[in-house]
């Protein structure tokens, strides 16, 4: 288990800028369609693993990158894309 302390996202998956200071608290993500919920989850996965599994390979429900990439990954400044996650393992966790 890890505790996410802070998440910073910029120019990633349609999110212009977002900083979450979680202070070791649990959090939930809710909102209408198209507001960036999946982008936040994808940013966390990307920070931890370097990839976004739901957008490629098995289990993608036949998502077409050609059809969905302009919506899913569009950014005017891809060189400015940032995902920064600060986390720690609680004492006693391996």
PDB file of N, CA and C in Angstrom:
ATOM      1  N   UNK A   1       0.848  -1.172   0.000  1.00  0.00           N
ATOM      2  CA  UNK A   1       0.000   0.000   0.000  1.00  0.00           C
ATOM      3  C   UNK A   1       0.893   1.233   0.000  1.00  0.00           C
ATOM      4  N   UNK A   2       0.418   2.284  -0.668  1.00  0.00           N
ATOM      5  CA  UNK A   2       1.101   3.566  -0.621  1.00  0.00           C
ATOM      6  C   UNK A   2       0.093   4.634  -0.232  1.00  0.00           C
ATOM      7  N   UNK A   3       0.591   5.709   0.298  1.00  0.00           N
ATOM      8  CA  UNK A   3      -0.242   6.871   0.598  1.00  0.00           C
ATOM      9  C   UNK A   3       0.160   7.982  -0.361  1.00  0.00           C
ATOM     10  N   UNK A   4      -0.790   8.439  -1.152  1.00  0.00           N
ATOM     11  CA  UNK A   4      -0.515   9.545  -2.064  1.00  0.00           C
ATOM     12  C   UNK A   4      -0.635  10.832  -1.261  1.00  0.00           C
ATOM     13  N   UNK A   5       0.435  11.600  -1.247  1.00  0.00           N
ATOM     14  CA  UNK A   5       0.431  12.854  -0.510  1.00  0.00           C
ATOM     15  C   UNK A   5       0.075  14.032  -1.403  1.00  0.00           C
ATOM     16  N   UNK A   6       0.566  14.000  -2.653  1.00  0.00           N
ATOM     17  CA  UNK A   6       0.312  15.117  -3.563  1.00  0.00           C
ATOM     18  C   UNK A   6       0.317  14.608  -4.996  1.00  0.00           C
ATOM     19  N   UNK A   7      -0.569  15.167  -5.817  1.00  0.00           N
ATOM     20  CA  UNK A   7      -0.635  14.840  -7.235  1.00  0.00           C
ATOM     21  C   UNK A   7      -0.686  16.144  -8.013  1.00  0.00           C
ATOM     22  N   UNK A   8       0.236  16.286  -8.966  1.00  0.00           N
ATOM     23  CA  UNK A   8       0.264  17.466  -9.828  1.00  0.00           C
ATOM     24  C   UNK A   8       0.141  17.008 -11.277  1.00  0.00           C
ATOM     25  N   UNK A   9      -0.807  17.600 -12.005  1.00  0.00           N
ATOM     26  CA  UNK A   9      -1.052  17.242 -13.400  1.00  0.00           C
ATOM     27  C   UNK A   9      -1.095  18.531 -14.211  1.00  0.00           C
ATOM     28  N   UNK A  10      -0.446  18.525 -15.368  1.00  0.00           N
ATOM     29  CA  UNK A  10      -0.517  19.666 -16.282  1.00  0.00           C
ATOM     30  C   UNK A  10      -0.462  19.152 -17.712  1.00  0.00           C
ATOM     31  N   UNK A  11      -1.348  19.669 -18.559  1.00  0.00           N
ATOM     32  CA  UNK A  11      -1.373  19.326 -19.985  1.00  0.00           C
ATOM     33  C   UNK A  11      -1.352  17.821 -20.221  1.00  0.00           C
ATOM     34  N   UNK A  12      -2.157  17.096 -19.463  1.00  0.00           N
ATOM     35  CA  UNK A  12      -2.200  15.636 -19.568  1.00  0.00           C
ATOM     36  C   UNK A  12      -3.636  15.187 -19.706  1.00  0.00           C
ATOM     37  N   UNK A  13      -3.953  14.491 -20.805  1.00  0.00           N
ATOM     38  CA  UNK A  13      -5.278  13.914 -21.026  1.00  0.00           C
ATOM     39  C   UNK A  13      -6.389  14.950 -20.896  1.00  0.00           C
ATOM     40  N   UNK A  14      -6.146  16.143 -21.377  1.00  0.00           N
ATOM     41  CA  UNK A  14      -7.169  17.177 -21.356  1.00  0.00           C
ATOM     42  C   UNK A  14      -7.218  17.987 -20.074  1.00  0.00           C
ATOM     43  N   UNK A  15      -6.413  17.648 -19.085  1.00  0.00           N
ATOM     44  CA  UNK A  15      -6.373  18.406 -17.831  1.00  0.00           C
ATOM     45  C   UNK A  15      -5.316  19.488 -17.994  1.00  0.00           C
ATOM     46  N   UNK A  16      -5.734  20.744 -17.957  1.00  0.00           N
ATOM     47  CA  UNK A  16      -4.782  21.850 -18.109  1.00  0.00           C
ATOM     48  C   UNK A  16      -3.861  21.919 -16.905  1.00  0.00           C
ATOM     49  N   UNK A  17      -4.411  22.100 -15.710  1.00  0.00           N
ATOM     50  CA  UNK A  17      -3.625  22.069 -14.471  1.00  0.00           C
ATOM     51  C   UNK A  17      -4.504  21.583 -13.327  1.00  0.00           C
ATOM     52  N   UNK A  18      -3.928  20.764 -12.483  1.00  0.00           N
ATOM     53  CA  UNK A  18      -4.626  20.276 -11.294  1.00  0.00           C
ATOM     54  C   UNK A  18      -3.579  19.893 -10.262  1.00  0.00           C
ATOM     55  N   UNK A  19      -3.743  20.391  -9.049  1.00  0.00           N
ATOM     56  CA  UNK A  19      -2.886  20.003  -7.936  1.00  0.00           C
ATOM     57  C   UNK A  19      -3.777  19.548  -6.796  1.00  0.00           C
ATOM     58  N   UNK A  20      -3.540  18.341  -6.318  1.00  0.00           N
ATOM     59  CA  UNK A  20      -4.280  17.803  -5.180  1.00  0.00           C
ATOM     60  C   UNK A  20      -3.303  17.584  -4.034  1.00  0.00           C
ATOM     61  N   UNK A  21      -3.486  18.318  -2.938  1.00  0.00           N
ATOM     62  CA  UNK A  21      -2.722  18.104  -1.713  1.00  0.00           C
ATOM     63  C   UNK A  21      -3.584  17.242  -0.812  1.00  0.00           C
ATOM     64  N   UNK A  22      -3.261  15.969  -0.729  1.00  0.00           N
ATOM     65  CA  UNK A  22      -4.131  15.018  -0.038  1.00  0.00           C
ATOM     66  C   UNK A  22      -3.805  14.854   1.441  1.00  0.00           C
ATOM     67  N   UNK A  23      -2.616  15.243   1.856  1.00  0.00           N
ATOM     68  CA  UNK A  23      -2.236  15.140   3.268  1.00  0.00           C
ATOM     69  C   UNK A  23      -2.586  13.784   3.859  1.00  0.00           C
ATOM     70  N   UNK A  24      -2.292  12.731   3.110  1.00  0.00           N
ATOM     71  CA  UNK A  24      -2.485  11.347   3.561  1.00  0.00           C
ATOM     72  C   UNK A  24      -3.947  10.976   3.784  1.00  0.00           C
ATOM     73  N   UNK A  25      -4.873  11.706   3.195  1.00  0.00           N
ATOM     74  CA  UNK A  25      -6.299  11.413   3.352  1.00  0.00           C
ATOM     75  C   UNK A  25      -6.792  10.612   2.149  1.00  0.00           C
ATOM     76  N   UNK A  26      -7.855   9.859   2.356  1.00  0.00           N
ATOM     77  CA  UNK A  26      -8.518   9.168   1.255  1.00  0.00           C
ATOM     78  C   UNK A  26      -9.256  10.199   0.415  1.00  0.00           C
ATOM     79  N   UNK A  27      -9.511   9.855  -0.845  1.00  0.00           N
ATOM     80  CA  UNK A  27     -10.256  10.768  -1.697  1.00  0.00           C
ATOM     81  C   UNK A  27     -11.089   9.981  -2.689  1.00  0.00           C
ATOM     82  N   UNK A  28     -12.119  10.618  -3.188  1.00  0.00           N
ATOM     83  CA  UNK A  28     -12.967  10.048  -4.221  1.00  0.00           C
ATOM     84  C   UNK A  28     -13.020  11.009  -5.391  1.00  0.00           C
ATOM     85  N   UNK A  29     -13.346  10.487  -6.560  1.00  0.00           N
ATOM     86  CA  UNK A  29     -13.440  11.309  -7.759  1.00  0.00           C
ATOM     87  C   UNK A  29     -14.855  11.172  -8.297  1.00  0.00           C
ATOM     88  N   UNK A  30     -15.562  12.287  -8.397  1.00  0.00           N
ATOM     89  CA  UNK A  30     -16.939  12.277  -8.897  1.00  0.00           C
ATOM     90  C   UNK A  30     -17.158  13.497  -9.778  1.00  0.00           C
ATOM     91  N   UNK A  31     -18.062  13.372 -10.733  1.00  0.00           N
ATOM     92  CA  UNK A  31     -18.395  14.498 -11.593  1.00  0.00           C
ATOM     93  C   UNK A  31     -19.077  14.021 -12.853  1.00  0.00           C
ATOM     94  N   UNK A  32     -19.636  14.961 -13.611  1.00  0.00           N
ATOM     95  CA  UNK A  32     -20.313  14.618 -14.863  1.00  0.00           C
ATOM     96  C   UNK A  32     -19.332  14.060 -15.897  1.00  0.00           C
ATOM     97  N   UNK A  33     -19.876  13.430 -16.926  1.00  0.00           N
ATOM     98  CA  UNK A  33     -19.058  12.915 -18.026  1.00  0.00           C
ATOM     99  C   UNK A  33     -18.235  14.043 -18.638  1.00  0.00           C
ATOM    100  N   UNK A  34     -17.015  13.718 -19.012  1.00  0.00           N
ATOM    101  CA  UNK A  34     -16.167  14.672 -19.710  1.00  0.00           C
ATOM    102  C   UNK A  34     -15.478  15.697 -18.835  1.00  0.00           C
ATOM    103  N   UNK A  35     -15.478  15.499 -17.517  1.00  0.00           N
ATOM    104  CA  UNK A  35     -14.874  16.495 -16.630  1.00  0.00           C
ATOM    105  C   UNK A  35     -13.474  16.129 -16.164  1.00  0.00           C
ATOM    106  N   UNK A  36     -12.944  14.977 -16.577  1.00  0.00           N
ATOM    107  CA  UNK A  36     -11.563  14.636 -16.263  1.00  0.00           C
ATOM    108  C   UNK A  36     -11.346  13.579 -15.202  1.00  0.00           C
ATOM    109  N   UNK A  37     -12.406  12.894 -14.795  1.00  0.00           N
ATOM    110  CA  UNK A  37     -12.252  11.850 -13.760  1.00  0.00           C
ATOM    111  C   UNK A  37     -11.276  10.769 -14.214  1.00  0.00           C
ATOM    112  N   UNK A  38     -11.474  10.253 -15.403  1.00  0.00           N
ATOM    113  CA  UNK A  38     -10.589   9.201 -15.919  1.00  0.00           C
ATOM    114  C   UNK A  38      -9.178   9.729 -16.110  1.00  0.00           C
ATOM    115  N   UNK A  39      -9.042  10.983 -16.477  1.00  0.00           N
ATOM    116  CA  UNK A  39      -7.721  11.583 -16.643  1.00  0.00           C
ATOM    117  C   UNK A  39      -6.931  11.589 -15.350  1.00  0.00           C
ATOM    118  N   UNK A  40      -7.608  11.820 -14.226  1.00  0.00           N
ATOM    119  CA  UNK A  40      -6.940  11.802 -12.921  1.00  0.00           C
ATOM    120  C   UNK A  40      -6.465  10.390 -12.601  1.00  0.00           C
ATOM    121  N   UNK A  41      -7.339   9.415 -12.798  1.00  0.00           N
ATOM    122  CA  UNK A  41      -6.969   8.019 -12.540  1.00  0.00           C
ATOM    123  C   UNK A  41      -5.831   7.599 -13.475  1.00  0.00           C
ATOM    124  N   UNK A  42      -5.914   7.994 -14.744  1.00  0.00           N
ATOM    125  CA  UNK A  42      -4.855   7.665 -15.700  1.00  0.00           C
ATOM    126  C   UNK A  42      -3.529   8.313 -15.296  1.00  0.00           C
ATOM    127  N   UNK A  43      -3.574   9.531 -14.792  1.00  0.00           N
ATOM    128  CA  UNK A  43      -2.352  10.211 -14.352  1.00  0.00           C
ATOM    129  C   UNK A  43      -1.701   9.462 -13.196  1.00  0.00           C
ATOM    130  N   UNK A  44      -2.517   8.982 -12.260  1.00  0.00           N
ATOM    131  CA  UNK A  44      -1.977   8.212 -11.132  1.00  0.00           C
ATOM    132  C   UNK A  44      -1.333   6.929 -11.638  1.00  0.00           C
ATOM    133  N   UNK A  45      -2.031   6.218 -12.525  1.00  0.00           N
ATOM    134  CA  UNK A  45      -1.459   4.983 -13.074  1.00  0.00           C
ATOM    135  C   UNK A  45      -0.171   5.278 -13.842  1.00  0.00           C
ATOM    136  N   UNK A  46      -0.182   6.337 -14.640  1.00  0.00           N
ATOM    137  CA  UNK A  46       0.999   6.695 -15.422  1.00  0.00           C
ATOM    138  C   UNK A  46       2.182   7.028 -14.512  1.00  0.00           C
ATOM    139  N   UNK A  47       1.922   7.761 -13.427  1.00  0.00           N
ATOM    140  CA  UNK A  47       2.995   8.114 -12.488  1.00  0.00           C
ATOM    141  C   UNK A  47       3.584   6.875 -11.818  1.00  0.00           C
ATOM    142  N   UNK A  48       2.740   5.893 -11.532  1.00  0.00           N
ATOM    143  CA  UNK A  48       3.199   4.690 -10.835  1.00  0.00           C
ATOM    144  C   UNK A  48       3.814   3.641 -11.755  1.00  0.00           C
ATOM    145  N   UNK A  49       3.307   3.549 -13.001  1.00  0.00           N
ATOM    146  CA  UNK A  49       3.731   2.454 -13.880  1.00  0.00           C
ATOM    147  C   UNK A  49       4.375   2.893 -15.191  1.00  0.00           C
ATOM    148  N   UNK A  50       4.178   4.146 -15.590  1.00  0.00           N
ATOM    149  CA  UNK A  50       4.702   4.611 -16.866  1.00  0.00           C
ATOM    150  C   UNK A  50       3.823   4.289 -18.052  1.00  0.00           C
ATOM    151  N   UNK A  51       2.617   3.765 -17.798  1.00  0.00           N
ATOM    152  CA  UNK A  51       1.696   3.461 -18.893  1.00  0.00           C
ATOM    153  C   UNK A  51       0.254   3.642 -18.428  1.00  0.00           C
ATOM    154  N   UNK A  52      -0.655   3.581 -19.409  1.00  0.00           N
ATOM    155  CA  UNK A  52      -2.091   3.657 -19.128  1.00  0.00           C
ATOM    156  C   UNK A  52      -2.710   2.421 -19.772  1.00  0.00           C
ATOM    157  N   UNK A  53      -2.946   1.382 -18.980  1.00  0.00           N
ATOM    158  CA  UNK A  53      -3.354   0.091 -19.530  1.00  0.00           C
ATOM    159  C   UNK A  53      -4.705   0.123 -20.217  1.00  0.00           C
ATOM    160  N   UNK A  54      -5.635   0.933 -19.769  1.00  0.00           N
ATOM    161  CA  UNK A  54      -6.966   0.902 -20.368  1.00  0.00           C
ATOM    162  C   UNK A  54      -7.001   1.487 -21.774  1.00  0.00           C
ATOM    163  N   UNK A  55      -5.922   2.130 -22.208  1.00  0.00           N
ATOM    164  CA  UNK A  55      -5.889   2.718 -23.545  1.00  0.00           C
ATOM    165  C   UNK A  55      -5.127   1.880 -24.559  1.00  0.00           C
ATOM    166  N   UNK A  56      -4.722   0.696 -24.175  1.00  0.00           N
ATOM    167  CA  UNK A  56      -4.010  -0.146 -25.128  1.00  0.00           C
ATOM    168  C   UNK A  56      -3.988  -1.589 -24.683  1.00  0.00           C
ATOM    169  N   UNK A  57      -3.901  -2.485 -25.638  1.00  0.00           N
ATOM    170  CA  UNK A  57      -3.788  -3.898 -25.324  1.00  0.00           C
ATOM    171  C   UNK A  57      -5.100  -4.534 -24.930  1.00  0.00           C
ATOM    172  N   UNK A  58      -4.994  -5.702 -24.320  1.00  0.00           N
ATOM    173  CA  UNK A  58      -6.167  -6.478 -23.922  1.00  0.00           C
ATOM    174  C   UNK A  58      -6.999  -5.708 -22.912  1.00  0.00           C
ATOM    175  N   UNK A  59      -8.294  -5.845 -23.009  1.00  0.00           N
ATOM    176  CA  UNK A  59      -9.187  -5.212 -22.051  1.00  0.00           C
ATOM    177  C   UNK A  59      -9.555  -3.782 -22.382  1.00  0.00           C
ATOM    178  N   UNK A  60      -9.271  -3.337 -23.598  1.00  0.00           N
ATOM    179  CA  UNK A  60      -9.562  -1.948 -23.949  1.00  0.00           C
ATOM    180  C   UNK A  60     -10.965  -1.761 -24.500  1.00  0.00           C
ATOM    181  N   UNK A  61     -11.725  -2.825 -24.542  1.00  0.00           N
ATOM    182  CA  UNK A  61     -13.087  -2.759 -25.089  1.00  0.00           C
ATOM    183  C   UNK A  61     -13.073  -2.183 -26.501  1.00  0.00           C
ATOM    184  N   UNK A  62     -12.017  -2.534 -27.252  1.00  0.00           N
ATOM    185  CA  UNK A  62     -11.875  -2.108 -28.641  1.00  0.00           C
ATOM    186  C   UNK A  62     -11.836  -0.596 -28.805  1.00  0.00           C
ATOM    187  N   UNK A  63     -11.239   0.106 -27.840  1.00  0.00           N
ATOM    188  CA  UNK A  63     -11.049   1.548 -27.985  1.00  0.00           C
ATOM    189  C   UNK A  63     -10.120   1.771 -29.166  1.00  0.00           C
ATOM    190  N   UNK A  64     -10.517   2.602 -30.084  1.00  0.00           N
ATOM    191  CA  UNK A  64      -9.701   2.909 -31.246  1.00  0.00           C
ATOM    192  C   UNK A  64      -8.880   4.160 -30.960  1.00  0.00           C
ATOM    193  N   UNK A  65      -7.559   4.001 -30.937  1.00  0.00           N
ATOM    194  CA  UNK A  65      -6.700   5.159 -30.694  1.00  0.00           C
ATOM    195  C   UNK A  65      -6.908   6.195 -31.793  1.00  0.00           C
ATOM    196  N   UNK A  66      -7.060   5.731 -33.036  1.00  0.00           N
ATOM    197  CA  UNK A  66      -7.261   6.664 -34.143  1.00  0.00           C
ATOM    198  C   UNK A  66      -8.530   7.492 -33.939  1.00  0.00           C
ATOM    199  N   UNK A  67      -9.600   6.848 -33.483  1.00  0.00           N
ATOM    200  CA  UNK A  67     -10.870   7.551 -33.298  1.00  0.00           C
ATOM    201  C   UNK A  67     -10.911   8.369 -32.018  1.00  0.00           C
ATOM    202  N   UNK A  68     -10.249   7.875 -30.961  1.00  0.00           N
ATOM    203  CA  UNK A  68     -10.390   8.520 -29.660  1.00  0.00           C
ATOM    204  C   UNK A  68      -9.194   9.355 -29.225  1.00  0.00           C
ATOM    205  N   UNK A  69      -8.036   9.180 -29.844  1.00  0.00           N
ATOM    206  CA  UNK A  69      -6.847   9.920 -29.412  1.00  0.00           C
ATOM    207  C   UNK A  69      -7.030  11.432 -29.454  1.00  0.00           C
ATOM    208  N   UNK A  70      -7.673  11.995 -30.500  1.00  0.00           N
ATOM    209  CA  UNK A  70      -7.838  13.447 -30.480  1.00  0.00           C
ATOM    210  C   UNK A  70      -8.632  13.929 -29.264  1.00  0.00           C
ATOM    211  N   UNK A  71      -9.604  13.152 -28.822  1.00  0.00           N
ATOM    212  CA  UNK A  71     -10.391  13.530 -27.644  1.00  0.00           C
ATOM    213  C   UNK A  71      -9.643  13.192 -26.362  1.00  0.00           C
ATOM    214  N   UNK A  72      -9.064  12.007 -26.316  1.00  0.00           N
ATOM    215  CA  UNK A  72      -8.454  11.507 -25.085  1.00  0.00           C
ATOM    216  C   UNK A  72      -7.119  12.169 -24.800  1.00  0.00           C
ATOM    217  N   UNK A  73      -6.292  12.353 -25.806  1.00  0.00           N
ATOM    218  CA  UNK A  73      -4.926  12.798 -25.580  1.00  0.00           C
ATOM    219  C   UNK A  73      -4.617  14.187 -26.124  1.00  0.00           C
ATOM    220  N   UNK A  74      -5.580  14.914 -26.614  1.00  0.00           N
ATOM    221  CA  UNK A  74      -5.312  16.209 -27.222  1.00  0.00           C
ATOM    222  C   UNK A  74      -4.710  17.183 -26.220  1.00  0.00           C
ATOM    223  N   UNK A  75      -3.670  17.817 -26.623  1.00  0.00           N
ATOM    224  CA  UNK A  75      -3.059  18.892 -25.847  1.00  0.00           C
ATOM    225  C   UNK A  75      -2.359  19.822 -26.823  1.00  0.00           C
ATOM    226  N   UNK A  76      -2.399  21.098 -26.546  1.00  0.00           N
ATOM    227  CA  UNK A  76      -1.741  22.062 -27.422  1.00  0.00           C
ATOM    228  C   UNK A  76      -0.238  22.094 -27.188  1.00  0.00           C
ATOM    229  N   UNK A  77       0.197  21.673 -26.007  1.00  0.00           N
ATOM    230  CA  UNK A  77       1.608  21.737 -25.653  1.00  0.00           C
ATOM    231  C   UNK A  77       2.082  20.411 -25.065  1.00  0.00           C
ATOM    232  N   UNK A  78       2.213  19.350 -25.877  1.00  0.00           N
ATOM    233  CA  UNK A  78       2.589  18.047 -25.313  1.00  0.00           C
ATOM    234  C   UNK A  78       3.936  18.065 -24.602  1.00  0.00           C
ATOM    235  N   UNK A  79       4.835  18.948 -25.026  1.00  0.00           N
ATOM    236  CA  UNK A  79       6.137  19.022 -24.357  1.00  0.00           C
ATOM    237  C   UNK A  79       6.026  19.577 -22.939  1.00  0.00           C
ATOM    238  N   UNK A  80       4.878  20.156 -22.604  1.00  0.00           N
ATOM    239  CA  UNK A  80       4.659  20.696 -21.259  1.00  0.00           C
ATOM    240  C   UNK A  80       3.888  19.739 -20.353  1.00  0.00           C
ATOM    241  N   UNK A  81       3.586  18.538 -20.857  1.00  0.00           N
ATOM    242  CA  UNK A  81       2.825  17.569 -20.058  1.00  0.00           C
ATOM    243  C   UNK A  81       3.625  17.159 -18.824  1.00  0.00           C
ATOM    244  N   UNK A  82       2.951  17.202 -17.670  1.00  0.00           N
ATOM    245  CA  UNK A  82       3.591  16.857 -16.398  1.00  0.00           C
ATOM    246  C   UNK A  82       2.630  16.015 -15.572  1.00  0.00           C
ATOM    247  N   UNK A  83       3.144  14.937 -15.019  1.00  0.00           N
ATOM    248  CA  UNK A  83       2.435  14.176 -13.992  1.00  0.00           C
ATOM    249  C   UNK A  83       3.453  13.935 -12.891  1.00  0.00           C
ATOM    250  N   UNK A  84       3.191  14.486 -11.728  1.00  0.00           N
ATOM    251  CA  UNK A  84       4.105  14.336 -10.593  1.00  0.00           C
ATOM    252  C   UNK A  84       3.311  13.839  -9.399  1.00  0.00           C
ATOM    253  N   UNK A  85       3.743  12.726  -8.849  1.00  0.00           N
ATOM    254  CA  UNK A  85       3.052  12.119  -7.717  1.00  0.00           C
ATOM    255  C   UNK A  85       4.041  11.987  -6.560  1.00  0.00           C
ATOM    256  N   UNK A  86       3.638  12.476  -5.401  1.00  0.00           N
ATOM    257  CA  UNK A  86       4.436  12.317  -4.193  1.00  0.00           C
ATOM    258  C   UNK A  86       3.704  11.327  -3.308  1.00  0.00           C
ATOM    259  N   UNK A  87       4.382  10.238  -2.956  1.00  0.00           N
ATOM    260  CA  UNK A  87       3.744   9.181  -2.168  1.00  0.00           C
ATOM    261  C   UNK A  87       4.746   8.606  -1.181  1.00  0.00           C
ATOM    262  N   UNK A  88       4.224   7.861  -0.227  1.00  0.00           N
ATOM    263  CA  UNK A  88       5.095   7.172   0.720  1.00  0.00           C
ATOM    264  C   UNK A  88       4.414   5.892   1.168  1.00  0.00           C
ATOM    265  N   UNK A  89       5.213   4.968   1.639  1.00  0.00           N
ATOM    266  CA  UNK A  89       4.688   3.724   2.209  1.00  0.00           C
ATOM    267  C   UNK A  89       4.541   3.929   3.712  1.00  0.00           C
ATOM    268  N   UNK A  90       3.388   3.569   4.277  1.00  0.00           N
ATOM    269  CA  UNK A  90       3.212   3.700   5.730  1.00  0.00           C
ATOM    270  C   UNK A  90       4.209   2.817   6.475  1.00  0.00           C
ATOM    271  N   UNK A  91       4.514   3.181   7.679  1.00  0.00           N
ATOM    272  CA  UNK A  91       5.426   2.381   8.503  1.00  0.00           C
ATOM    273  C   UNK A  91       4.893   0.959   8.613  1.00  0.00           C
ATOM    274  N   UNK A  92       5.787   0.001   8.481  1.00  0.00           N
ATOM    275  CA  UNK A  92       5.405  -1.399   8.600  1.00  0.00           C
ATOM    276  C   UNK A  92       4.969  -2.041   7.300  1.00  0.00           C
ATOM    277  N   UNK A  93       4.776  -1.253   6.234  1.00  0.00           N
ATOM    278  CA  UNK A  93       4.390  -1.820   4.928  1.00  0.00           C
ATOM    279  C   UNK A  93       5.635  -2.165   4.139  1.00  0.00           C
ATOM    280  N   UNK A  94       5.517  -3.198   3.353  1.00  0.00           N
ATOM    281  CA  UNK A  94       6.628  -3.598   2.490  1.00  0.00           C
ATOM    282  C   UNK A  94       6.371  -3.160   1.093  1.00  0.00           C
TER     283      UNK A  94
END
